[in-house]
Amino acid sequence: MTREQEFEELRPLLFSISYRILGSVTEAEDAVQEAWLRYATSSSQPRSTKAFLSATVTRISIDVLRSARVRREEYVGPWVPEPLLADPYDDPERSAELADSVSMAALLLLERLSPLERAVFVLRDVFRFEFAEVASAVGRSEAACRQLVSRARRHMQEGQPRFETDRRKREELAGRFFDALKEGDVDRLRELLAADVQLVNDGGGKVGGPRRVAGMDKVIRVLAAAVPSFITQIGAVVEPREVNGQPGAIVRDSDGRIITAWALDILDERIQTIRSLVNPDKLGHLGPVADTGAIVREQKQVRRRPT
């Protein structure tokens, strides 16, 4: 097997490790590519290609995250991870666990950890690496890694996200939500949203609108005012999709360009959180992105036209 073939076999794992450390699809893809360049130009053959590449992509991701944290502290409005429609790494025996570990809620919880804590937690608790492998990957002793994992677990357990365990029930409820949303059916929305539901909009300062809305009545008011008119006036299409392992949707304009990505947290048969990503910089990896500013201007013009 050639080096390139070995690398391609491991690419899904490498991307999944890096994405959980970084919360960014584009940065994770860059980290994986950099790992390949280092492997391809290495003069020696590692004893374990998996161990070498996992360690390499982890170290690259830690360095990227350290610089990214400064930018995130200066980010305008709520910061939400880049949406991931499909995790390339698959383990049928742990599919539900892996899906929950890549959820928006879990990734935001990981933001509380230091880059080193985040890396060792991802390697050990998500991908089940042995402590010796974790230690080698991050350049620390096994004892130090055990302490890092223990500290990371405490932080994670303090705010551990909980989701509806029945995936079919989650998907069915999300479908009802999007149907009610498209029709602007306030009564049905009330049946589906938690009393303290939150709507979080990540526009990155590039797209206007409320950044964070809390409470059923306020959230319904915002959604009912915006979404049905988007559909009727500009021909927007709500496309239900799994986003970061949880129910969600991609909203497109009449030309198929992406306006936003939604991810839902569902528990106790109610939607607890709605995360909407409208920052165009975080949507480009999903396909062509709409000019949201132009859409809003068009919507205003439509409203001004005499009936």
Protein backbone atom coordinates (compact mmCIF):
# COMPACT_ATOMS: atom_id res chain seq x y z
CA MET A 1 0.00 0.00 0.00
CA THR A 2 1.36 3.43 -0.94
CA ARG A 3 1.63 6.32 1.51
CA GLU A 4 -1.19 8.10 -0.29
CA GLN A 5 -3.47 5.06 0.03
CA GLU A 6 -2.64 4.74 3.74
CA PHE A 7 -3.41 8.41 4.24
CA GLU A 8 -6.72 8.26 2.38
CA GLU A 9 -7.84 5.35 4.54
CA LEU A 10 -7.17 7.43 7.64
CA ARG A 11 -8.46 10.76 6.30
CA PRO A 12 -12.00 10.38 7.81
CA LEU A 13 -10.54 9.77 11.28
CA LEU A 14 -8.03 12.63 10.96
CA PHE A 15 -10.71 15.10 9.86
CA SER A 16 -13.06 14.02 12.64
CA ILE A 17 -10.35 14.47 15.28
CA SER A 18 -9.40 17.89 13.95
CA TYR A 19 -12.98 19.12 13.55
CA ARG A 20 -13.83 18.27 17.17
CA ILE A 21 -10.73 20.12 18.34
CA LEU A 22 -11.33 23.16 16.12
CA GLY A 23 -15.09 23.40 15.50
CA SER A 24 -14.30 24.53 11.96
CA VAL A 25 -14.67 22.49 8.78
CA THR A 26 -12.31 24.66 6.72
CA GLU A 27 -9.62 24.75 9.42
CA ALA A 28 -9.91 21.00 9.96
CA GLU A 29 -9.53 20.35 6.23
CA ASP A 30 -6.44 22.57 6.18
CA ALA A 31 -5.00 20.73 9.20
CA VAL A 32 -5.52 17.36 7.53
CA GLN A 33 -3.86 18.61 4.33
CA GLU A 34 -0.88 19.88 6.33
CA ALA A 35 -0.62 16.48 8.06
CA TRP A 36 -0.50 14.82 4.64
CA LEU A 37 2.29 17.14 3.45
CA ARG A 38 4.37 16.35 6.52
CA TYR A 39 3.80 12.62 6.04
CA ALA A 40 4.47 12.71 2.30
CA THR A 41 7.78 14.56 2.74
CA SER A 42 8.99 12.56 5.75
CA SER A 43 12.17 10.60 4.98
CA SER A 44 11.32 7.80 7.41
CA GLN A 45 8.40 5.40 7.63
CA PRO A 46 6.64 5.49 11.04
CA ARG A 47 6.04 2.23 12.87
CA SER A 48 2.31 3.09 13.03
CA THR A 49 0.91 5.33 10.31
CA LYS A 50 -2.29 5.86 12.30
CA ALA A 51 -0.39 6.94 15.41
CA PHE A 52 1.91 9.24 13.44
CA LEU A 53 -0.86 10.96 11.47
CA SER A 54 -3.21 11.24 14.46
CA ALA A 55 -0.44 12.85 16.50
CA THR A 56 0.49 15.16 13.63
CA VAL A 57 -3.04 16.40 12.96
CA THR A 58 -3.65 16.82 16.70
CA ARG A 59 -0.55 19.00 17.15
CA ILE A 60 -1.43 21.09 14.11
CA SER A 61 -4.99 21.52 15.40
CA ILE A 62 -3.79 22.58 18.86
CA ASP A 63 -1.60 25.29 17.29
CA VAL A 64 -4.46 26.49 15.07
CA LEU A 65 -6.88 26.56 18.00
CA ARG A 66 -4.52 28.67 20.12
CA SER A 67 -4.54 31.42 17.50
CA ALA A 68 -8.24 30.94 16.70
CA ARG A 69 -9.24 31.52 20.34
CA VAL A 70 -8.03 35.12 20.10
CA ARG A 71 -10.22 35.72 17.04
CA ARG A 72 -13.21 34.09 18.72
CA GLU A 73 -12.87 36.36 21.74
CA GLU A 74 -13.21 39.33 19.35
CA TYR A 75 -16.02 37.74 17.32
CA VAL A 76 -19.13 39.88 16.84
CA GLY A 77 -22.16 38.22 18.44
CA PRO A 78 -22.52 34.55 19.43
CA TRP A 79 -19.89 32.21 17.97
CA VAL A 80 -21.27 28.89 16.68
CA PRO A 81 -19.16 26.12 15.08
CA GLU A 82 -19.19 25.68 11.31
CA PRO A 83 -21.99 23.26 10.41
CA LEU A 84 -21.10 19.69 9.51
CA LEU A 85 -23.67 17.76 7.47
CA ALA A 86 -21.94 14.38 7.59
CA ASP A 87 -19.14 13.14 9.83
CA PRO A 88 -16.85 11.08 7.55
CA TYR A 89 -15.71 8.85 10.42
CA ASP A 90 -18.13 6.03 11.16
CA ASP A 91 -18.24 3.38 13.85
CA PRO A 92 -21.59 1.53 13.69
CA GLU A 93 -21.29 0.36 17.32
CA ARG A 94 -20.88 3.96 18.56
CA SER A 95 -22.84 5.97 15.98
CA ALA A 96 -25.17 7.68 18.48
CA GLU A 97 -22.31 8.54 20.84
CA LEU A 98 -20.19 9.96 18.01
CA ALA A 99 -23.13 11.98 16.69
CA ASP A 100 -23.71 13.55 20.11
CA SER A 101 -19.99 14.34 20.45
CA VAL A 102 -20.11 16.43 17.26
CA SER A 103 -23.32 18.30 18.15
CA MET A 104 -23.26 22.08 18.34
CA ALA A 105 -23.94 21.91 22.08
CA ALA A 106 -21.01 19.54 22.69
CA LEU A 107 -18.61 21.59 20.55
CA LEU A 108 -19.59 24.78 22.38
CA LEU A 109 -18.97 23.02 25.67
CA LEU A 110 -15.52 22.01 24.43
CA GLU A 111 -14.81 25.72 23.92
CA ARG A 112 -14.55 26.01 27.72
CA LEU A 113 -11.45 23.80 27.72
CA SER A 114 -7.88 24.81 27.04
CA PRO A 115 -6.55 23.63 23.64
CA LEU A 116 -4.52 20.88 25.33
CA GLU A 117 -7.46 19.70 27.47
CA ARG A 118 -9.69 19.70 24.42
CA ALA A 119 -7.24 17.62 22.40
CA VAL A 120 -6.66 14.95 25.05
CA PHE A 121 -10.40 14.73 25.79
CA VAL A 122 -11.20 14.23 22.08
CA LEU A 123 -8.51 11.58 21.63
CA ARG A 124 -9.25 9.68 24.83
CA ASP A 125 -12.99 10.01 25.47
CA VAL A 126 -14.32 10.37 21.93
CA PHE A 127 -11.94 8.19 19.89
CA ARG A 128 -10.81 5.83 22.69
CA PHE A 129 -7.06 6.23 22.15
CA GLU A 130 -4.88 4.60 24.81
CA PHE A 131 -3.19 7.01 27.22
CA ALA A 132 0.21 6.11 25.78
CA GLU A 133 -1.02 7.19 22.33
CA VAL A 134 -2.55 10.38 23.73
CA ALA A 135 0.68 11.23 25.55
CA SER A 136 2.70 10.70 22.38
CA ALA A 137 0.29 12.82 20.35
CA VAL A 138 0.41 15.88 22.62
CA GLY A 139 3.96 15.54 23.89
CA ARG A 140 3.08 15.11 27.57
CA SER A 141 3.56 12.29 30.05
CA GLU A 142 0.81 9.74 30.58
CA ALA A 143 0.34 11.02 34.13
CA ALA A 144 -0.09 14.58 32.86
CA CYS A 145 -2.59 13.40 30.24
CA ARG A 146 -4.62 11.57 32.87
CA GLN A 147 -4.83 14.80 34.86
CA LEU A 148 -5.81 16.77 31.75
CA VAL A 149 -8.55 14.27 30.86
CA SER A 150 -9.85 14.27 34.42
CA ARG A 151 -10.04 18.07 34.46
CA ALA A 152 -11.68 18.14 31.03
CA ARG A 153 -14.28 15.58 32.10
CA ARG A 154 -15.25 17.68 35.12
CA HIS A 155 -15.79 20.73 32.92
CA MET A 156 -17.78 18.71 30.38
CA GLN A 157 -19.96 17.01 33.00
CA GLU A 158 -20.91 20.38 34.51
CA GLY A 159 -22.78 21.33 31.35
CA GLN A 160 -23.12 18.00 29.55
CA PRO A 161 -25.70 18.43 26.76
CA ARG A 162 -28.65 16.08 26.83
CA PHE A 163 -30.69 15.08 23.80
CA GLU A 164 -33.81 13.07 23.03
CA THR A 165 -32.50 9.51 22.95
CA ASP A 166 -34.97 8.28 20.34
CA ARG A 167 -33.52 9.53 17.05
CA ARG A 168 -36.70 8.77 15.11
CA LYS A 169 -38.72 10.82 17.58
CA ARG A 170 -36.25 13.70 17.21
CA GLU A 171 -36.53 13.65 13.42
CA GLU A 172 -40.34 13.46 13.51
CA LEU A 173 -40.57 16.40 15.90
CA ALA A 174 -38.15 18.44 13.79
CA GLY A 175 -40.26 17.72 10.70
CA ARG A 176 -43.38 18.99 12.46
CA PHE A 177 -41.47 22.09 13.57
CA PHE A 178 -40.33 22.97 10.06
CA ASP A 179 -43.82 22.38 8.65
CA ALA A 180 -45.34 24.68 11.28
CA LEU A 181 -42.59 27.24 10.68
CA LYS A 182 -43.17 27.35 6.93
CA GLU A 183 -46.89 27.90 7.50
CA GLY A 184 -46.40 30.39 10.34
CA ASP A 185 -48.64 28.23 12.55
CA VAL A 186 -48.15 29.81 15.97
CA ASP A 187 -50.34 27.30 17.84
CA ARG A 188 -48.38 24.33 16.53
CA LEU A 189 -45.09 26.05 17.29
CA ARG A 190 -46.22 26.48 20.89
CA GLU A 191 -46.70 22.72 21.14
CA LEU A 192 -43.14 22.05 19.97
CA LEU A 193 -40.99 24.66 21.71
CA ALA A 194 -39.78 24.57 25.31
CA ALA A 195 -40.95 27.44 27.50
CA ASP A 196 -37.37 28.70 27.81
CA VAL A 197 -36.32 27.94 24.24
CA GLN A 198 -33.42 29.97 22.87
CA LEU A 199 -32.82 31.20 19.33
CA VAL A 200 -29.14 31.91 18.65
CA ASN A 201 -28.10 33.68 15.43
CA ASP A 202 -24.46 33.62 14.33
CA GLY A 203 -24.07 36.41 11.79
CA GLY A 204 -20.50 37.31 12.71
CA GLY A 205 -21.31 41.00 12.35
CA LYS A 206 -21.87 40.47 8.61
CA VAL A 207 -25.61 39.77 8.69
CA GLY A 208 -28.05 41.73 10.83
CA GLY A 209 -30.90 40.52 12.99
CA PRO A 210 -31.35 39.56 16.65
CA ARG A 211 -28.32 37.70 17.99
CA ARG A 212 -29.97 35.86 20.86
CA VAL A 213 -33.67 35.54 21.71
CA ALA A 214 -34.97 33.68 24.79
CA GLY A 215 -38.46 32.53 25.72
CA MET A 216 -41.19 30.87 23.70
CA ASP A 217 -43.25 33.97 22.90
CA LYS A 218 -40.28 36.04 21.75
CA VAL A 219 -38.81 33.22 19.67
CA ILE A 220 -42.15 32.51 17.98
CA ARG A 221 -42.61 36.20 17.22
CA VAL A 222 -39.21 36.39 15.50
CA LEU A 223 -39.62 33.15 13.55
CA ALA A 224 -43.23 33.75 12.48
CA ALA A 225 -42.35 37.22 11.26
CA ALA A 226 -39.34 36.18 9.17
CA VAL A 227 -39.57 32.64 7.83
CA PRO A 228 -43.02 32.45 6.13
CA SER A 229 -42.38 35.76 4.34
CA PHE A 230 -38.99 34.47 3.13
CA ILE A 231 -40.78 31.50 1.61
CA THR A 232 -43.68 33.36 -0.01
CA GLN A 233 -41.83 36.52 -1.09
CA ILE A 234 -38.45 35.27 -2.30
CA GLY A 235 -39.16 31.57 -2.86
CA ALA A 236 -36.91 30.29 -0.06
CA VAL A 237 -36.85 26.52 0.48
CA VAL A 238 -36.41 24.82 3.86
CA GLU A 239 -34.51 21.56 3.33
CA PRO A 240 -34.53 19.33 6.45
CA ARG A 241 -31.06 17.85 7.03
CA GLU A 242 -29.05 16.36 9.84
CA VAL A 243 -26.66 19.06 11.05
CA ASN A 244 -23.85 18.07 13.41
CA GLY A 245 -25.55 14.80 14.21
CA GLN A 246 -28.80 16.49 15.26
CA PRO A 247 -32.00 17.46 13.39
CA GLY A 248 -31.65 20.65 11.38
CA ALA A 249 -32.18 22.24 8.01
CA ILE A 250 -30.54 24.16 5.21
CA VAL A 251 -32.49 27.17 3.94
CA ARG A 252 -31.90 28.08 0.29
CA ASP A 253 -33.05 30.92 -1.93
CA SER A 254 -34.95 30.35 -5.18
CA ASP A 255 -31.64 29.73 -7.01
CA GLY A 256 -30.53 27.07 -4.53
CA ARG A 257 -27.97 29.25 -2.78
CA ILE A 258 -27.62 28.82 0.97
CA ILE A 259 -29.14 31.47 3.23
CA THR A 260 -28.68 29.76 6.59
CA ALA A 261 -28.14 26.46 8.36
CA TRP A 262 -30.23 25.52 11.39
CA ALA A 263 -29.41 23.02 14.12
CA LEU A 264 -31.92 21.97 16.80
CA ASP A 265 -31.40 20.66 20.33
CA ILE A 266 -34.38 18.48 21.29
CA LEU A 267 -35.14 17.04 24.72
CA ASP A 268 -38.32 15.87 26.46
CA GLU A 269 -40.25 16.19 23.17
CA ARG A 270 -39.54 19.91 23.01
CA ILE A 271 -37.07 22.03 21.05
CA GLN A 272 -34.70 23.58 23.58
CA THR A 273 -32.35 25.55 21.31
CA ILE A 274 -32.42 26.71 17.70
CA ARG A 275 -29.02 27.71 16.29
CA SER A 276 -29.04 29.64 13.04
CA LEU A 277 -25.81 30.21 11.12
CA VAL A 278 -26.04 33.08 8.67
CA ASN A 279 -22.39 34.21 8.62
CA PRO A 280 -21.47 33.56 4.97
CA ASP A 281 -17.88 32.72 5.95
CA LYS A 282 -19.17 29.63 7.78
CA LEU A 283 -21.44 28.38 4.99
CA GLY A 284 -19.19 28.36 1.92
CA HIS A 285 -18.09 24.74 2.39
CA LEU A 286 -21.74 23.67 1.97
CA GLY A 287 -22.14 25.23 -1.47
CA PRO A 288 -22.86 28.60 -3.11
CA VAL A 289 -23.97 31.17 -0.52
CA ALA A 290 -26.77 33.69 -1.04
CA ASP A 291 -26.32 37.43 -0.64
CA THR A 292 -28.43 37.80 2.50
CA GLY A 293 -28.23 41.59 2.37
CA ALA A 294 -29.71 41.59 -1.14
CA ILE A 295 -32.45 39.18 0.00
CA VAL A 296 -33.43 41.46 2.88
CA ARG A 297 -33.53 44.46 0.51
CA GLU A 298 -35.67 42.48 -1.94
CA GLN A 299 -38.00 41.47 0.87
CA LYS A 300 -38.45 45.10 1.90
CA GLN A 301 -39.24 46.09 -1.68
CA VAL A 302 -41.85 43.35 -1.92
CA ARG A 303 -43.52 44.60 1.24
CA ARG A 304 -43.68 48.15 -0.14
CA ARG A 305 -45.40 47.13 -3.37
CA PRO A 306 -49.10 47.96 -3.51
CA THR A 307 -51.38 44.95 -3.24
